[in-house]
Amino acid sequence: MKEYDRVELIKDRQEYLDAGIKKGDKGTILGEKRLGYWLVYFDGEIFKDEDGIWKTTEIDVGIKEEDLKVIEESD
């Protein structure tokens, strides 16, 4: 597992559910592994709000390595 790999969450934990992430969600690792956790940016949507400001529903969460599965390796 390394930065920019695409990953899937394979285990639910209350801390992930509290952040809005559930088993099966997919994202991209950004950053180095720290204390057994990877920072993962889970896929969301980009949209323009009523004031014309671009926003995203992306969620970034520290995830334990054993709770992730690599689905596409980065180069």
N, C-alpha and C. Protein backbone atom coordinates (compact mmCIF):
# COMPACT_ATOMS: atom_id res chain seq x y z
N MET A 1 0.85 -1.16 0.00
CA MET A 1 0.00 0.00 0.00
C MET A 1 0.90 1.23 0.00
N LYS A 2 0.49 2.23 -0.83
CA LYS A 2 1.30 3.45 -0.91
C LYS A 2 0.42 4.62 -1.34
N GLU A 3 1.00 5.81 -1.25
CA GLU A 3 0.28 7.02 -1.62
C GLU A 3 -0.24 6.92 -3.06
N TYR A 4 -1.43 7.41 -3.28
CA TYR A 4 -2.14 7.45 -4.56
C TYR A 4 -2.77 6.11 -4.99
N ASP A 5 -2.60 5.04 -4.19
CA ASP A 5 -3.32 3.81 -4.48
C ASP A 5 -4.82 4.05 -4.25
N ARG A 6 -5.65 3.41 -5.09
CA ARG A 6 -7.09 3.42 -4.90
C ARG A 6 -7.41 2.26 -3.96
N VAL A 7 -8.21 2.52 -2.95
CA VAL A 7 -8.51 1.51 -1.94
C VAL A 7 -10.01 1.43 -1.67
N GLU A 8 -10.39 0.30 -1.07
CA GLU A 8 -11.77 0.07 -0.65
C GLU A 8 -11.78 -0.26 0.83
N LEU A 9 -12.72 0.30 1.56
CA LEU A 9 -12.87 -0.02 2.97
C LEU A 9 -13.52 -1.39 3.10
N ILE A 10 -12.88 -2.30 3.84
CA ILE A 10 -13.38 -3.67 3.92
C ILE A 10 -13.93 -4.04 5.31
N LYS A 11 -13.91 -3.07 6.24
CA LYS A 11 -14.43 -3.36 7.58
C LYS A 11 -15.08 -2.11 8.15
N ASP A 12 -16.25 -2.27 8.74
CA ASP A 12 -16.91 -1.17 9.43
C ASP A 12 -16.36 -1.06 10.85
N ARG A 13 -16.14 0.16 11.28
CA ARG A 13 -15.81 0.48 12.67
C ARG A 13 -16.63 1.71 13.02
N GLN A 14 -16.96 1.84 14.29
CA GLN A 14 -17.79 2.97 14.71
C GLN A 14 -17.14 4.31 14.35
N GLU A 15 -15.82 4.41 14.48
CA GLU A 15 -15.13 5.68 14.16
C GLU A 15 -15.30 6.04 12.69
N TYR A 16 -15.36 5.05 11.80
CA TYR A 16 -15.56 5.33 10.37
C TYR A 16 -17.01 5.71 10.11
N LEU A 17 -17.94 4.98 10.74
CA LEU A 17 -19.36 5.27 10.57
C LEU A 17 -19.68 6.68 11.07
N ASP A 18 -19.05 7.08 12.17
CA ASP A 18 -19.25 8.42 12.72
C ASP A 18 -18.77 9.49 11.74
N ALA A 19 -17.76 9.16 10.92
CA ALA A 19 -17.22 10.11 9.93
C ALA A 19 -18.01 10.07 8.62
N GLY A 20 -18.95 9.12 8.50
CA GLY A 20 -19.77 9.02 7.29
C GLY A 20 -19.25 8.05 6.25
N ILE A 21 -18.35 7.14 6.68
CA ILE A 21 -17.74 6.15 5.78
C ILE A 21 -18.23 4.76 6.18
N LYS A 22 -18.51 3.92 5.18
CA LYS A 22 -18.96 2.55 5.47
C LYS A 22 -18.23 1.55 4.58
N LYS A 23 -18.31 0.29 4.98
CA LYS A 23 -17.70 -0.80 4.22
C LYS A 23 -18.14 -0.72 2.77
N GLY A 24 -17.16 -0.85 1.84
CA GLY A 24 -17.44 -0.80 0.42
C GLY A 24 -17.13 0.56 -0.20
N ASP A 25 -16.99 1.60 0.63
CA ASP A 25 -16.64 2.92 0.10
C ASP A 25 -15.22 2.90 -0.47
N LYS A 26 -15.01 3.69 -1.52
CA LYS A 26 -13.72 3.71 -2.21
C LYS A 26 -13.11 5.10 -2.14
N GLY A 27 -11.77 5.13 -2.13
CA GLY A 27 -11.07 6.40 -2.07
C GLY A 27 -9.64 6.26 -2.51
N THR A 28 -8.86 7.32 -2.28
CA THR A 28 -7.46 7.39 -2.68
C THR A 28 -6.62 7.74 -1.46
N ILE A 29 -5.51 7.02 -1.29
CA ILE A 29 -4.57 7.31 -0.21
C ILE A 29 -3.79 8.58 -0.56
N LEU A 30 -3.77 9.51 0.37
CA LEU A 30 -2.97 10.73 0.21
C LEU A 30 -2.14 10.89 1.48
N GLY A 31 -0.84 10.91 1.33
CA GLY A 31 0.05 11.05 2.48
C GLY A 31 0.69 9.74 2.87
N GLU A 32 1.59 9.85 3.83
CA GLU A 32 2.33 8.69 4.34
C GLU A 32 1.54 8.00 5.45
N LYS A 33 1.84 6.73 5.67
CA LYS A 33 1.23 5.97 6.76
C LYS A 33 1.79 6.50 8.08
N ARG A 34 0.88 6.73 9.04
CA ARG A 34 1.29 7.22 10.36
C ARG A 34 0.59 6.42 11.44
N LEU A 35 1.38 5.84 12.34
CA LEU A 35 0.86 5.09 13.48
C LEU A 35 -0.14 4.02 13.06
N GLY A 36 0.10 3.39 11.90
CA GLY A 36 -0.75 2.31 11.43
C GLY A 36 -1.96 2.76 10.62
N TYR A 37 -2.10 4.07 10.42
CA TYR A 37 -3.23 4.63 9.68
C TYR A 37 -2.78 5.28 8.38
N TRP A 38 -3.64 5.19 7.36
CA TRP A 38 -3.46 5.91 6.09
C TRP A 38 -4.54 6.98 6.02
N LEU A 39 -4.18 8.15 5.49
CA LEU A 39 -5.17 9.19 5.23
C LEU A 39 -5.79 8.89 3.88
N VAL A 40 -7.09 8.62 3.89
CA VAL A 40 -7.80 8.26 2.67
C VAL A 40 -8.86 9.32 2.38
N TYR A 41 -8.85 9.81 1.15
CA TYR A 41 -9.89 10.72 0.67
C TYR A 41 -10.93 9.88 -0.06
N PHE A 42 -12.08 9.72 0.56
CA PHE A 42 -13.14 8.91 -0.02
C PHE A 42 -13.92 9.72 -1.04
N ASP A 43 -14.30 9.04 -2.13
CA ASP A 43 -14.97 9.69 -3.25
C ASP A 43 -16.23 10.43 -2.81
N GLY A 44 -16.42 11.57 -3.43
CA GLY A 44 -17.62 12.36 -3.20
C GLY A 44 -18.04 13.00 -4.51
N GLU A 45 -18.85 14.01 -4.42
CA GLU A 45 -19.30 14.72 -5.61
C GLU A 45 -18.87 16.18 -5.51
N ILE A 46 -18.60 16.78 -6.66
CA ILE A 46 -18.29 18.20 -6.74
C ILE A 46 -19.54 18.89 -7.27
N PHE A 47 -19.93 19.97 -6.61
CA PHE A 47 -21.14 20.67 -7.02
C PHE A 47 -21.00 22.16 -6.73
N LYS A 48 -21.84 22.95 -7.36
CA LYS A 48 -21.88 24.38 -7.13
C LYS A 48 -23.09 24.68 -6.26
N ASP A 49 -22.86 25.39 -5.14
CA ASP A 49 -23.98 25.69 -4.25
C ASP A 49 -24.80 26.87 -4.77
N GLU A 50 -25.81 27.25 -4.01
CA GLU A 50 -26.72 28.30 -4.45
C GLU A 50 -26.06 29.67 -4.60
N ASP A 51 -24.88 29.85 -3.98
CA ASP A 51 -24.13 31.10 -4.10
C ASP A 51 -23.09 31.03 -5.22
N GLY A 52 -23.06 29.91 -5.96
CA GLY A 52 -22.12 29.76 -7.06
C GLY A 52 -20.74 29.31 -6.63
N ILE A 53 -20.60 28.86 -5.39
CA ILE A 53 -19.31 28.40 -4.86
C ILE A 53 -19.20 26.90 -5.04
N TRP A 54 -18.05 26.45 -5.58
CA TRP A 54 -17.81 25.02 -5.78
C TRP A 54 -17.54 24.36 -4.45
N LYS A 55 -18.16 23.22 -4.21
CA LYS A 55 -18.01 22.45 -2.98
C LYS A 55 -17.85 20.98 -3.32
N THR A 56 -17.45 20.19 -2.31
CA THR A 56 -17.30 18.75 -2.50
C THR A 56 -17.87 18.00 -1.31
N THR A 57 -18.31 16.78 -1.56
CA THR A 57 -18.80 15.92 -0.48
C THR A 57 -17.74 14.88 -0.11
N GLU A 58 -16.51 15.06 -0.61
CA GLU A 58 -15.40 14.17 -0.29
C GLU A 58 -15.17 14.13 1.22
N ILE A 59 -14.82 12.98 1.75
CA ILE A 59 -14.55 12.83 3.18
C ILE A 59 -13.14 12.26 3.34
N ASP A 60 -12.32 12.92 4.17
CA ASP A 60 -10.98 12.38 4.43
C ASP A 60 -10.94 11.84 5.86
N VAL A 61 -10.42 10.60 5.97
CA VAL A 61 -10.42 9.89 7.25
C VAL A 61 -9.14 9.07 7.37
N GLY A 62 -8.58 9.01 8.58
CA GLY A 62 -7.48 8.10 8.87
C GLY A 62 -8.04 6.68 9.02
N ILE A 63 -7.52 5.74 8.22
CA ILE A 63 -8.04 4.37 8.22
C ILE A 63 -6.91 3.39 8.53
N LYS A 64 -7.19 2.42 9.40
CA LYS A 64 -6.20 1.39 9.71
C LYS A 64 -5.89 0.58 8.46
N GLU A 65 -4.62 0.25 8.28
CA GLU A 65 -4.20 -0.48 7.08
C GLU A 65 -4.95 -1.79 6.91
N GLU A 66 -5.20 -2.50 8.00
CA GLU A 66 -5.87 -3.81 7.88
C GLU A 66 -7.34 -3.68 7.46
N ASP A 67 -7.87 -2.47 7.47
CA ASP A 67 -9.26 -2.26 7.08
C ASP A 67 -9.40 -1.82 5.63
N LEU A 68 -8.28 -1.82 4.89
CA LEU A 68 -8.28 -1.38 3.49
C LEU A 68 -7.85 -2.51 2.55
N LYS A 69 -8.37 -2.45 1.33
CA LYS A 69 -7.95 -3.36 0.27
C LYS A 69 -7.58 -2.50 -0.93
N VAL A 70 -6.39 -2.75 -1.50
CA VAL A 70 -5.97 -2.00 -2.69
C VAL A 70 -6.78 -2.53 -3.88
N ILE A 71 -7.41 -1.61 -4.62
CA ILE A 71 -8.17 -2.01 -5.81
C ILE A 71 -7.50 -1.54 -7.09
N GLU A 72 -6.57 -0.56 -6.96
CA GLU A 72 -5.80 -0.11 -8.12
C GLU A 72 -4.53 0.53 -7.60
N GLU A 73 -3.38 -0.01 -8.02
CA GLU A 73 -2.10 0.52 -7.57
C GLU A 73 -1.69 1.73 -8.39
N SER A 74 -1.05 2.70 -7.71
CA SER A 74 -0.50 3.85 -8.41
C SER A 74 0.86 3.47 -8.99
N ASP A 75 1.30 4.23 -9.96
CA ASP A 75 2.61 3.95 -10.57
C ASP A 75 3.76 4.45 -9.75
